[in-house]
Structure formats: C-alpha cells, structure tokens
C-alpha cells in the first residue's frame, strides 16, 4: 500500500514539459542575453529621441590678455574678461535625419524583441528534445527490465524441464546468454539515462533526479500543410528580418539627409560680460550650414547604406524561402513518421502474439526453444523500436509547430 501511495505522489510531483521550459527561461543565458540586447536597442532609441530636443548648457569663459598700446582700444578690451551665460541650441532642420534615425531605432527595437522570441523558441525545442530523450530512455529501460524478467522466468522454466528430461541443458545456456546481453543493454541504457538527465538539468536547472511526466496524450490528426505555411510571416526570424529591412531603408534616408543644409536656433542669456557689452543680457541667432564638398564622404555613406538595404531585403527573402522549406520538410517527415508508427505498432502487437503462442506450444512440446527465443527477441526489438519512434514523432510534431509558431496555450504567455 505504501509503495502505491509513494508512486502516485511521485507522479503528481513530476515536472511537465511546460514546467521544464519555464524553469529554463529563468536560467538560460542566451535568452537573458537577448533580453539585454533589447534593453540596449531601447537605450539607443532614447538617444535618437533626444536629437530633436533643444540642449541647454551653462558656459563660462575667462581670458587674460596683454593690454593694447592704444588708450582708446584699452577701453574696449580690458586685460581680464569673464563671460558666463546659459546657452540654448534648438535644431530646426537636419535634412529629416533625426526622424529617420528615430524610425530606424524603433524598427531595431522590434527586431530585437523578435530575436528574443526566436531564442525562446530555440530553447523550447532544445528543452523538448532533452525532455523527450529522458522519457524515451526511461521507457527503453522499462522495456529491457521487463524483457530481463521474462528471461529469468524462462531460465527457471528450462532448468525444471532439463531436470525432468524434457529439454536439453544447452537450451538453458542459450537463454542465459541472451539474458546477459539484455543485462548489458540495461547497463548501457541506465548510463545513457543518467547522461540525459544531466543534460535536461543543464538546460532547465531542474535537479537531475527530478521525475518527468508522460501524459501519453493522443496526438491530434496532422493538419494540412497550408495551415503551417500560412504562418511563415508570423515566425520571429521573418518578422525580425522585416524590421531590419525597414531599419536599413531608414538608414538610407538618414545618410541622404547629410546632403541637406542644417539650421539651428541659438540663444544666450548672460550673467556676466566684459567691456562695453556688459549691459546686453541676451541674444538670439540662426546658424545655417550648407555642405559643399567633403571629399565624397556623403556619397560613399549613401552607397554603403543602399547596399545594406539591398542585403537586408535579400536576407528577408532567404529566410522566407528557408521557413517554407523547413515547414515542408518537417510536415513530410511527420507524415512518413505516422506510417512508420502504424507499422511498428502492428509489428509489436503481432510479435507479442507470436511469442505468446509459441510459448504455449513450447510447453505442450509442439515447437522448439529456439523458435520461442527468436520470437522473444523479435518482440523486444519491435517494442523498443515502436517506443523510440513514438517519442521521435512527438518531437517532430513539436518542431513543426515551433517552426510555425504554434505553441500550447499554456506557453504562449511565456513568449511575450
């Protein structure tokens, strides 16, 4: 009774895939780094937002110079001159560069957010791979232990038959030899399971010994491929590439704006001024700068930014083609996997029935031990292959839905 209670408590506390993913989100350095890149992009956007605003500064100048020999000039140029003032500078026109920089900054912030979602989706696939690998190895180990239990019973049965003269002694040795092979496989599977648990712990931060749950949910029918292809534009890599292409286009506008003149409004309020202007407390001025020749600098910058815009557009086209190709390959692979699963399930059921039938006939003396042994081996192989294919199909379904950004409702909020 205590063992049953312990088993149910253990199962109820087992970590689900969703819980493992949420745990990984809190600890994964790559996801956290992508979050910091968003913070950096937002800081750069704030820098761009500051460009159209005026700047106010306090300025102080002190000059000490030789007095001129002309007595009249001495009245206008004293030996010591001190100037203190508040200076305001308001940009009026920069060739629309500041607004292009602002729009480009917003595009890059959005691109950074999409990169972060992409890193989270990659993490989800990584965690799902590690999680299902643990489940697959646990089932494999369970199958091997059950097979080893069957061999124990067969060895016991054949020893009794040999003592009664109903079977040859070598038949027992054959079974023991096969049992040793299964025990070797159990040892290898146990080692692989420990490694898989360590890998899952590395990605999620869960203890290596933490149990994982296998709800054995029946997979829904595979939808038509159009459902997944229609979501290509929702992929974070495609969205991010679109934002970068828009930012590159704004960068072209920014560099072209350098060909235009710049106009600034400047105002000063003076606290102290030297000489005969000490009674003038303020002034306003306009400053116009028109670039005439800069050695081809602006032309080269415009050419570079135009090339980067074309590069960003080509990258967007490449990612769209890659996304479509990836979804088609995953969908086709999953369709083939469904046929494989049906065949392996049928093979497992038939091999089990064949083994059970031969076992009954062997006890009645109607078949040979070697036939029973071959049937048992085939049953074990088929059962292990079916379980491995079953977990591989679940992982393929996760990869397909992740490629189309279709996640369980419980995880959608985690990607915000």
Protein backbone atom coordinates (compact mmCIF):
# COMPACT_ATOMS: atom_id res chain seq x y z
CA UNK A 1 0.00 0.00 0.00
CA UNK A 2 2.84 2.39 0.92
CA UNK A 3 4.55 1.71 -2.41
CA UNK A 4 1.37 2.62 -4.33
CA UNK A 5 0.94 5.86 -2.36
CA UNK A 6 4.59 6.77 -2.98
CA UNK A 7 4.20 6.07 -6.70
CA UNK A 8 1.19 8.38 -7.03
CA UNK A 9 2.87 11.15 -5.02
CA UNK A 10 5.94 10.86 -7.26
CA UNK A 11 3.83 11.06 -10.40
CA UNK A 12 1.88 14.07 -9.13
CA UNK A 13 5.12 15.97 -8.44
CA UNK A 14 6.70 15.07 -11.80
CA UNK A 15 7.71 18.03 -13.96
CA UNK A 16 5.80 18.56 -17.18
CA UNK A 17 7.39 19.84 -20.38
CA UNK A 18 5.76 23.25 -19.85
CA UNK A 19 7.21 23.47 -16.33
CA UNK A 20 10.64 22.43 -17.56
CA UNK A 21 10.52 25.13 -20.24
CA UNK A 22 9.50 27.85 -17.78
CA UNK A 23 12.33 26.81 -15.50
CA UNK A 24 14.76 27.02 -18.40
CA UNK A 25 13.53 30.51 -19.33
CA UNK A 26 14.62 31.84 -15.95
CA UNK A 27 18.15 30.48 -16.24
CA UNK A 28 19.12 30.30 -19.90
CA UNK A 29 21.94 32.74 -20.59
CA UNK A 30 21.20 33.09 -24.32
CA UNK A 31 17.60 34.16 -23.65
CA UNK A 32 18.76 36.54 -20.93
CA UNK A 33 21.38 37.98 -23.29
CA UNK A 34 18.72 38.57 -25.94
CA UNK A 35 16.69 40.45 -23.32
CA UNK A 36 19.70 42.68 -22.63
CA UNK A 37 20.08 43.35 -26.35
CA UNK A 38 16.50 44.65 -26.35
CA UNK A 39 17.40 46.93 -23.44
CA UNK A 40 20.41 48.20 -25.41
CA UNK A 41 18.28 48.83 -28.51
CA UNK A 42 15.75 50.75 -26.41
CA UNK A 43 18.57 52.85 -24.94
CA UNK A 44 19.80 53.68 -28.47
CA UNK A 45 16.24 54.62 -29.39
CA UNK A 46 16.14 57.02 -26.45
CA UNK A 47 19.36 58.56 -27.75
CA UNK A 48 17.68 59.11 -31.13
CA UNK A 49 14.61 60.59 -29.42
CA UNK A 50 16.81 63.19 -27.75
CA UNK A 51 18.15 64.56 -31.07
CA UNK A 52 15.20 66.89 -31.98
CA UNK A 53 15.05 68.41 -28.49
CA UNK A 54 16.91 71.58 -27.52
CA UNK A 55 20.05 71.49 -25.42
CA UNK A 56 20.67 73.92 -22.56
CA UNK A 57 24.14 74.38 -21.13
CA UNK A 58 25.94 76.73 -18.77
CA UNK A 59 29.12 78.24 -20.22
CA UNK A 60 31.89 80.22 -18.59
CA UNK A 61 34.94 81.82 -20.26
CA UNK A 62 37.85 83.65 -18.68
CA UNK A 63 40.52 85.38 -20.77
CA UNK A 64 43.55 87.31 -19.59
CA UNK A 65 45.47 89.13 -22.29
CA UNK A 66 48.01 91.83 -22.91
CA UNK A 67 46.62 95.35 -22.98
CA UNK A 68 46.80 97.12 -26.32
CA UNK A 69 49.01 100.21 -26.55
CA UNK A 70 46.21 102.38 -27.90
CA UNK A 71 44.43 104.04 -24.96
CA UNK A 72 41.08 104.02 -26.75
CA UNK A 73 41.36 100.29 -27.53
CA UNK A 74 42.07 99.63 -23.85
CA UNK A 75 38.58 100.80 -23.01
CA UNK A 76 37.05 98.08 -25.22
CA UNK A 77 39.49 95.23 -24.48
CA UNK A 78 40.21 95.01 -20.76
CA UNK A 79 43.08 92.86 -19.50
CA UNK A 80 40.74 90.36 -17.80
CA UNK A 81 37.50 89.24 -19.46
CA UNK A 82 34.91 86.97 -17.85
CA UNK A 83 31.79 85.71 -19.58
CA UNK A 84 29.12 83.46 -18.02
CA UNK A 85 25.88 82.56 -19.74
CA UNK A 86 23.15 79.98 -20.33
CA UNK A 87 23.14 78.72 -23.91
CA UNK A 88 20.15 77.14 -25.67
CA UNK A 89 20.50 75.38 -29.01
CA UNK A 90 17.44 74.17 -30.89
CA UNK A 91 17.95 72.12 -34.08
CA UNK A 92 15.48 73.32 -36.69
CA UNK A 93 16.43 71.30 -39.75
CA UNK A 94 18.80 68.36 -40.26
CA UNK A 95 17.63 67.04 -43.61
CA UNK A 96 15.00 64.92 -41.74
CA UNK A 97 17.85 62.76 -40.43
CA UNK A 98 16.67 62.80 -36.82
CA UNK A 99 13.25 61.43 -37.76
CA UNK A 100 14.78 58.69 -39.92
CA UNK A 101 17.05 57.75 -37.02
CA UNK A 102 14.03 57.61 -34.72
CA UNK A 103 12.09 55.29 -37.04
CA UNK A 104 15.16 53.09 -37.56
CA UNK A 105 15.63 52.85 -33.80
CA UNK A 106 12.03 51.70 -33.34
CA UNK A 107 12.50 49.09 -36.07
CA UNK A 108 15.65 47.77 -34.40
CA UNK A 109 13.91 47.54 -31.01
CA UNK A 110 11.15 45.47 -32.62
CA UNK A 111 13.79 43.32 -34.36
CA UNK A 112 15.49 42.72 -31.01
CA UNK A 113 12.21 41.62 -29.47
CA UNK A 114 11.67 39.16 -32.32
CA UNK A 115 15.21 37.84 -31.87
CA UNK A 116 14.36 37.23 -28.22
CA UNK A 117 11.23 35.28 -29.19
CA UNK A 118 13.37 33.30 -31.63
CA UNK A 119 15.87 32.41 -28.90
CA UNK A 120 12.96 31.29 -26.70
CA UNK A 121 11.58 29.06 -29.45
CA UNK A 122 15.03 27.54 -29.95
CA UNK A 123 15.22 26.93 -26.21
CA UNK A 124 11.79 25.29 -26.27
CA UNK A 125 12.97 22.86 -28.96
CA UNK A 126 16.16 22.16 -27.00
CA UNK A 127 14.26 21.51 -23.77
CA UNK A 128 11.69 19.35 -25.59
CA UNK A 129 14.49 17.30 -27.16
CA UNK A 130 16.19 16.75 -23.79
CA UNK A 131 12.86 16.09 -22.03
CA UNK A 132 11.60 13.54 -24.55
CA UNK A 133 15.01 11.89 -24.65
CA UNK A 134 14.70 11.24 -20.91
CA UNK A 135 11.20 9.82 -21.38
CA UNK A 136 12.31 7.64 -24.29
CA UNK A 137 15.24 6.22 -22.32
CA UNK A 138 13.01 5.59 -19.29
CA UNK A 139 10.61 3.61 -21.46
CA UNK A 140 13.50 1.80 -23.11
CA UNK A 141 14.87 0.86 -19.71
CA UNK A 142 11.42 -0.27 -18.62
CA UNK A 143 11.12 -2.50 -21.72
CA UNK A 144 14.55 -4.00 -21.11
CA UNK A 145 13.77 -4.71 -17.45
CA UNK A 146 10.53 -6.43 -18.45
CA UNK A 147 12.42 -8.43 -21.04
CA UNK A 148 15.01 -9.38 -18.42
CA UNK A 149 12.18 -10.52 -16.14
CA UNK A 150 10.87 -12.77 -18.91
CA UNK A 151 14.34 -14.30 -19.30
CA UNK A 152 14.50 -15.01 -15.57
CA UNK A 153 11.23 -16.91 -15.78
CA UNK A 154 12.38 -18.78 -18.90
CA UNK A 155 15.68 -19.80 -17.30
CA UNK A 156 13.76 -21.11 -14.29
CA UNK A 157 11.31 -22.96 -16.53
CA UNK A 158 14.02 -24.55 -18.72
CA UNK A 159 16.04 -25.69 -15.71
CA UNK A 160 12.98 -27.52 -14.45
CA UNK A 161 12.40 -29.07 -17.87
CA UNK A 162 16.06 -30.12 -18.09
CA UNK A 163 15.84 -31.83 -14.69
CA UNK A 164 12.77 -33.70 -15.87
CA UNK A 165 14.48 -34.64 -19.13
CA UNK A 166 12.09 -32.61 -21.24
CA UNK A 167 14.74 -30.18 -22.59
CA UNK A 168 18.45 -30.26 -23.31
CA UNK A 169 20.80 -28.47 -20.92
CA UNK A 170 22.23 -26.28 -23.70
CA UNK A 171 18.84 -24.62 -24.09
CA UNK A 172 19.22 -23.12 -20.61
CA UNK A 173 22.68 -21.84 -21.52
CA UNK A 174 21.29 -20.22 -24.67
CA UNK A 175 18.67 -18.37 -22.66
CA UNK A 176 21.27 -17.30 -20.06
CA UNK A 177 23.50 -15.98 -22.84
CA UNK A 178 20.67 -13.88 -24.24
CA UNK A 179 19.79 -12.74 -20.73
CA UNK A 180 23.36 -11.49 -20.29
CA UNK A 181 23.02 -9.45 -23.48
CA UNK A 182 19.83 -7.84 -22.17
CA UNK A 183 21.52 -7.06 -18.83
CA UNK A 184 24.34 -5.41 -20.77
CA UNK A 185 21.76 -3.34 -22.65
CA UNK A 186 20.18 -2.37 -19.32
CA UNK A 187 23.54 -1.17 -18.04
CA UNK A 188 24.10 0.92 -21.18
CA UNK A 189 20.55 2.33 -21.12
CA UNK A 190 20.96 3.27 -17.44
CA UNK A 191 24.17 5.15 -18.24
CA UNK A 192 22.51 6.91 -21.17
CA UNK A 193 19.57 7.85 -18.94
CA UNK A 194 21.88 9.40 -16.34
CA UNK A 195 23.58 11.43 -19.09
CA UNK A 196 20.21 12.51 -20.50
CA UNK A 197 19.05 13.61 -17.06
CA UNK A 198 22.20 15.67 -16.59
CA UNK A 199 21.59 17.28 -19.98
CA UNK A 200 17.99 18.13 -19.05
CA UNK A 201 19.19 19.56 -15.74
CA UNK A 202 21.75 21.71 -17.56
CA UNK A 203 19.11 23.27 -19.80
CA UNK A 204 16.32 23.66 -17.21
CA UNK A 205 18.01 23.94 -13.84
CA UNK A 206 15.85 21.08 -12.51
CA UNK A 207 17.59 18.52 -10.29
CA UNK A 208 18.94 15.56 -12.32
CA UNK A 209 16.85 13.16 -10.25
CA UNK A 210 13.62 15.14 -10.76
CA UNK A 211 10.91 12.89 -12.27
CA UNK A 212 9.31 13.87 -15.58
CA UNK A 213 5.73 13.13 -16.51
CA UNK A 214 4.50 11.34 -19.60
CA UNK A 215 0.80 12.19 -20.05
CA UNK A 216 0.59 9.87 -23.09
CA UNK A 217 -1.67 12.34 -24.86
CA UNK A 218 -3.09 11.09 -28.12
CA UNK A 219 -1.78 13.23 -30.94
CA UNK A 220 -4.40 15.12 -32.93
CA UNK A 221 -4.58 14.42 -36.67
CA UNK A 222 -1.89 16.20 -38.67
CA UNK A 223 -3.44 19.31 -40.30
CA UNK A 224 -2.84 20.16 -43.94
CA UNK A 225 0.46 21.83 -44.71
CA UNK A 226 -1.30 25.08 -45.69
CA UNK A 227 -2.09 25.73 -42.02
CA UNK A 228 1.63 25.89 -41.27
CA UNK A 229 2.70 27.70 -44.44
CA UNK A 230 0.19 30.45 -43.72
CA UNK A 231 2.13 31.27 -40.56
CA UNK A 232 5.50 31.88 -42.21
CA UNK A 233 5.09 35.63 -41.74
CA UNK A 234 4.48 35.05 -38.01
CA UNK A 235 7.90 33.49 -37.46
CA UNK A 236 10.21 35.65 -35.32
CA UNK A 237 13.14 35.30 -37.73
CA UNK A 238 10.99 36.56 -40.62
CA UNK A 239 9.48 39.35 -38.51
CA UNK A 240 12.92 40.36 -37.29
CA UNK A 241 14.28 40.41 -40.84
CA UNK A 242 11.36 42.62 -41.94
CA UNK A 243 12.13 45.07 -39.15
CA UNK A 244 15.83 45.13 -40.07
CA UNK A 245 14.97 45.73 -43.72
CA UNK A 246 12.81 48.68 -42.66
CA UNK A 247 15.63 49.99 -40.45
CA UNK A 248 18.08 49.69 -43.35
CA UNK A 249 15.70 51.69 -45.53
CA UNK A 250 15.54 54.41 -42.88
CA UNK A 251 19.32 54.40 -42.72
CA UNK A 252 19.39 55.30 -46.43
CA UNK A 253 17.14 58.28 -45.67
CA UNK A 254 19.44 59.21 -42.79
CA UNK A 255 22.60 59.23 -44.91
CA UNK A 256 20.92 61.11 -47.76
CA UNK A 257 19.86 63.77 -45.28
CA UNK A 258 23.52 64.68 -44.79
CA UNK A 259 23.47 66.29 -48.25
CA UNK A 260 20.96 68.86 -46.99
CA UNK A 261 21.85 72.01 -45.04
CA UNK A 262 21.39 72.18 -41.28
CA UNK A 263 19.73 75.08 -39.47
CA UNK A 264 19.94 75.78 -35.73
CA UNK A 265 18.45 78.41 -33.46
CA UNK A 266 20.84 79.60 -30.77
CA UNK A 267 20.02 81.76 -27.75
CA UNK A 268 22.18 83.05 -24.89
CA UNK A 269 21.36 84.66 -21.56
CA UNK A 270 24.38 86.35 -19.99
CA UNK A 271 25.12 86.72 -16.31
CA UNK A 272 28.43 88.49 -16.82
CA UNK A 273 30.04 90.01 -19.91
CA UNK A 274 33.23 92.02 -20.36
CA UNK A 275 33.67 95.55 -21.61
CA UNK A 276 31.05 97.71 -23.22
CA UNK A 277 28.62 94.79 -23.88
CA UNK A 278 28.07 94.06 -20.21
CA UNK A 279 24.61 95.67 -20.35
CA UNK A 280 23.41 93.31 -23.12
CA UNK A 281 21.77 90.37 -21.31
CA UNK A 282 20.61 88.15 -24.15
CA UNK A 283 20.83 87.39 -27.86
CA UNK A 284 19.27 85.05 -30.45
CA UNK A 285 20.82 83.78 -33.66
CA UNK A 286 20.30 81.43 -36.57
CA UNK A 287 23.13 79.23 -37.80
CA UNK A 288 22.97 77.78 -41.32
CA UNK A 289 25.49 75.23 -42.54
CA UNK A 290 25.43 74.09 -46.17
CA UNK A 291 27.82 71.23 -47.09
CA UNK A 292 29.59 71.95 -50.37
CA UNK A 293 32.48 69.49 -50.53
CA UNK A 294 33.52 66.74 -48.12
CA UNK A 295 35.72 64.60 -50.35
CA UNK A 296 32.90 62.27 -51.45
CA UNK A 297 32.18 61.20 -47.84
CA UNK A 298 28.39 61.50 -48.03
CA UNK A 299 28.20 59.78 -51.42
CA UNK A 300 30.19 56.84 -50.05
CA UNK A 301 27.97 56.65 -46.94
CA UNK A 302 24.82 56.68 -49.09
CA UNK A 303 26.22 53.96 -51.33
CA UNK A 304 27.07 51.82 -48.30
CA UNK A 305 23.64 52.23 -46.69
CA UNK A 306 21.89 51.45 -50.00
CA UNK A 307 23.92 48.26 -50.30
CA UNK A 308 22.98 47.30 -46.73
CA UNK A 309 19.32 47.88 -47.56
CA UNK A 310 19.57 45.50 -50.54
CA UNK A 311 21.39 42.98 -48.34
CA UNK A 312 18.64 43.15 -45.70
CA UNK A 313 15.97 42.65 -48.38
CA UNK A 314 17.80 39.61 -49.73
CA UNK A 315 18.14 38.18 -46.21
CA UNK A 316 14.38 38.56 -45.72
CA UNK A 317 13.72 36.70 -48.98
CA UNK A 318 16.17 33.95 -47.94
CA UNK A 319 14.51 33.50 -44.55
CA UNK A 320 11.08 33.25 -46.13
CA UNK A 321 12.28 30.54 -48.52
CA UNK A 322 14.07 28.74 -45.68
CA UNK A 323 10.97 28.86 -43.47
CA UNK A 324 8.77 27.40 -46.20
CA UNK A 325 11.33 24.70 -47.00
CA UNK A 326 11.74 23.81 -43.32
CA UNK A 327 7.99 23.53 -42.74
CA UNK A 328 7.51 21.39 -45.84
CA UNK A 329 10.34 19.04 -44.80
CA UNK A 330 9.06 18.71 -41.22
CA UNK A 331 5.48 18.15 -42.38
CA UNK A 332 6.52 15.47 -44.87
CA UNK A 333 8.73 13.80 -42.29
CA UNK A 334 5.86 13.73 -39.81
CA UNK A 335 3.53 12.16 -42.39
CA UNK A 336 6.11 9.44 -43.02
CA UNK A 337 6.56 9.03 -39.28
CA UNK A 338 2.83 8.36 -38.86
CA UNK A 339 3.04 5.49 -41.36
CA UNK A 340 6.11 4.15 -39.60
CA UNK A 341 4.34 4.30 -36.23
CA UNK A 342 1.36 2.36 -37.51
CA UNK A 343 3.64 -0.31 -38.99
CA UNK A 344 5.73 -0.59 -35.82
CA UNK A 345 2.64 -0.75 -33.61
CA UNK A 346 1.23 -3.56 -35.75
CA UNK A 347 4.60 -5.31 -35.72
CA UNK A 348 4.80 -5.07 -31.92
CA UNK A 349 1.31 -6.48 -31.43
CA UNK A 350 1.90 -9.35 -33.88
CA UNK A 351 5.33 -10.21 -32.45
CA UNK A 352 3.85 -10.26 -28.95
CA UNK A 353 1.06 -12.60 -30.03
CA UNK A 354 3.57 -14.77 -31.89
CA UNK A 355 5.79 -15.06 -28.82
CA UNK A 356 2.86 -15.88 -26.54
CA UNK A 357 1.54 -18.50 -28.97
CA UNK A 358 4.98 -20.16 -29.37
CA UNK A 359 5.45 -20.12 -25.60
CA UNK A 360 2.19 -22.02 -25.11
CA UNK A 361 3.06 -24.51 -27.84
CA UNK A 362 6.56 -24.99 -26.43
CA UNK A 363 5.09 -26.00 -23.07
CA UNK A 364 2.99 -28.56 -24.93
CA UNK A 365 6.05 -29.80 -26.80
CA UNK A 366 4.85 -28.62 -30.19
CA UNK A 367 7.72 -26.22 -31.02
CA UNK A 368 11.41 -25.74 -30.32
CA UNK A 369 13.03 -23.48 -27.75
CA UNK A 370 14.98 -21.68 -30.47
CA UNK A 371 11.71 -20.62 -32.09
CA UNK A 372 10.47 -19.19 -28.78
CA UNK A 373 13.78 -17.43 -28.24
CA UNK A 374 13.71 -15.87 -31.71
CA UNK A 375 10.11 -14.71 -31.19
CA UNK A 376 11.01 -13.16 -27.82
CA UNK A 377 13.98 -11.32 -29.33
CA UNK A 378 11.87 -10.01 -32.21
CA UNK A 379 9.19 -8.87 -29.77
CA UNK A 380 11.75 -6.98 -27.69
CA UNK A 381 13.24 -5.31 -30.77
CA UNK A 382 9.83 -4.32 -32.13
CA UNK A 383 8.65 -2.94 -28.80
CA UNK A 384 11.76 -0.83 -28.30
CA UNK A 385 11.64 0.46 -31.87
CA UNK A 386 7.98 1.41 -31.50
CA UNK A 387 8.58 3.39 -28.30
CA UNK A 388 11.59 5.18 -29.81
CA UNK A 389 9.60 6.08 -32.92
CA UNK A 390 6.69 7.24 -30.76
CA UNK A 391 8.82 9.76 -28.89
CA UNK A 392 10.58 10.80 -32.09
CA UNK A 393 7.16 11.55 -33.63
CA UNK A 394 6.24 13.70 -30.65
CA UNK A 395 9.46 15.65 -31.04
CA UNK A 396 8.87 16.05 -34.80
CA UNK A 397 5.40 17.45 -34.07
CA UNK A 398 6.87 19.93 -31.58
CA UNK A 399 9.48 21.02 -34.13
CA UNK A 400 6.85 21.51 -36.83
CA UNK A 401 4.56 23.56 -34.60
CA UNK A 402 7.51 25.55 -33.27
CA UNK A 403 8.58 26.31 -36.87
CA UNK A 404 5.08 27.71 -37.47
CA UNK A 405 4.96 29.43 -34.04
CA UNK A 406 2.08 27.24 -32.88
CA UNK A 407 2.57 26.54 -29.19
CA UNK A 408 0.37 25.17 -26.41
CA UNK A 409 -1.83 27.89 -24.86
CA UNK A 410 0.00 27.42 -21.56
CA UNK A 411 3.25 28.59 -23.18
CA UNK A 412 2.03 31.48 -25.33
CA UNK A 413 2.30 33.94 -22.44
CA UNK A 414 5.90 32.89 -21.81
CA UNK A 415 6.95 34.24 -25.22
CA UNK A 416 5.73 37.76 -24.56
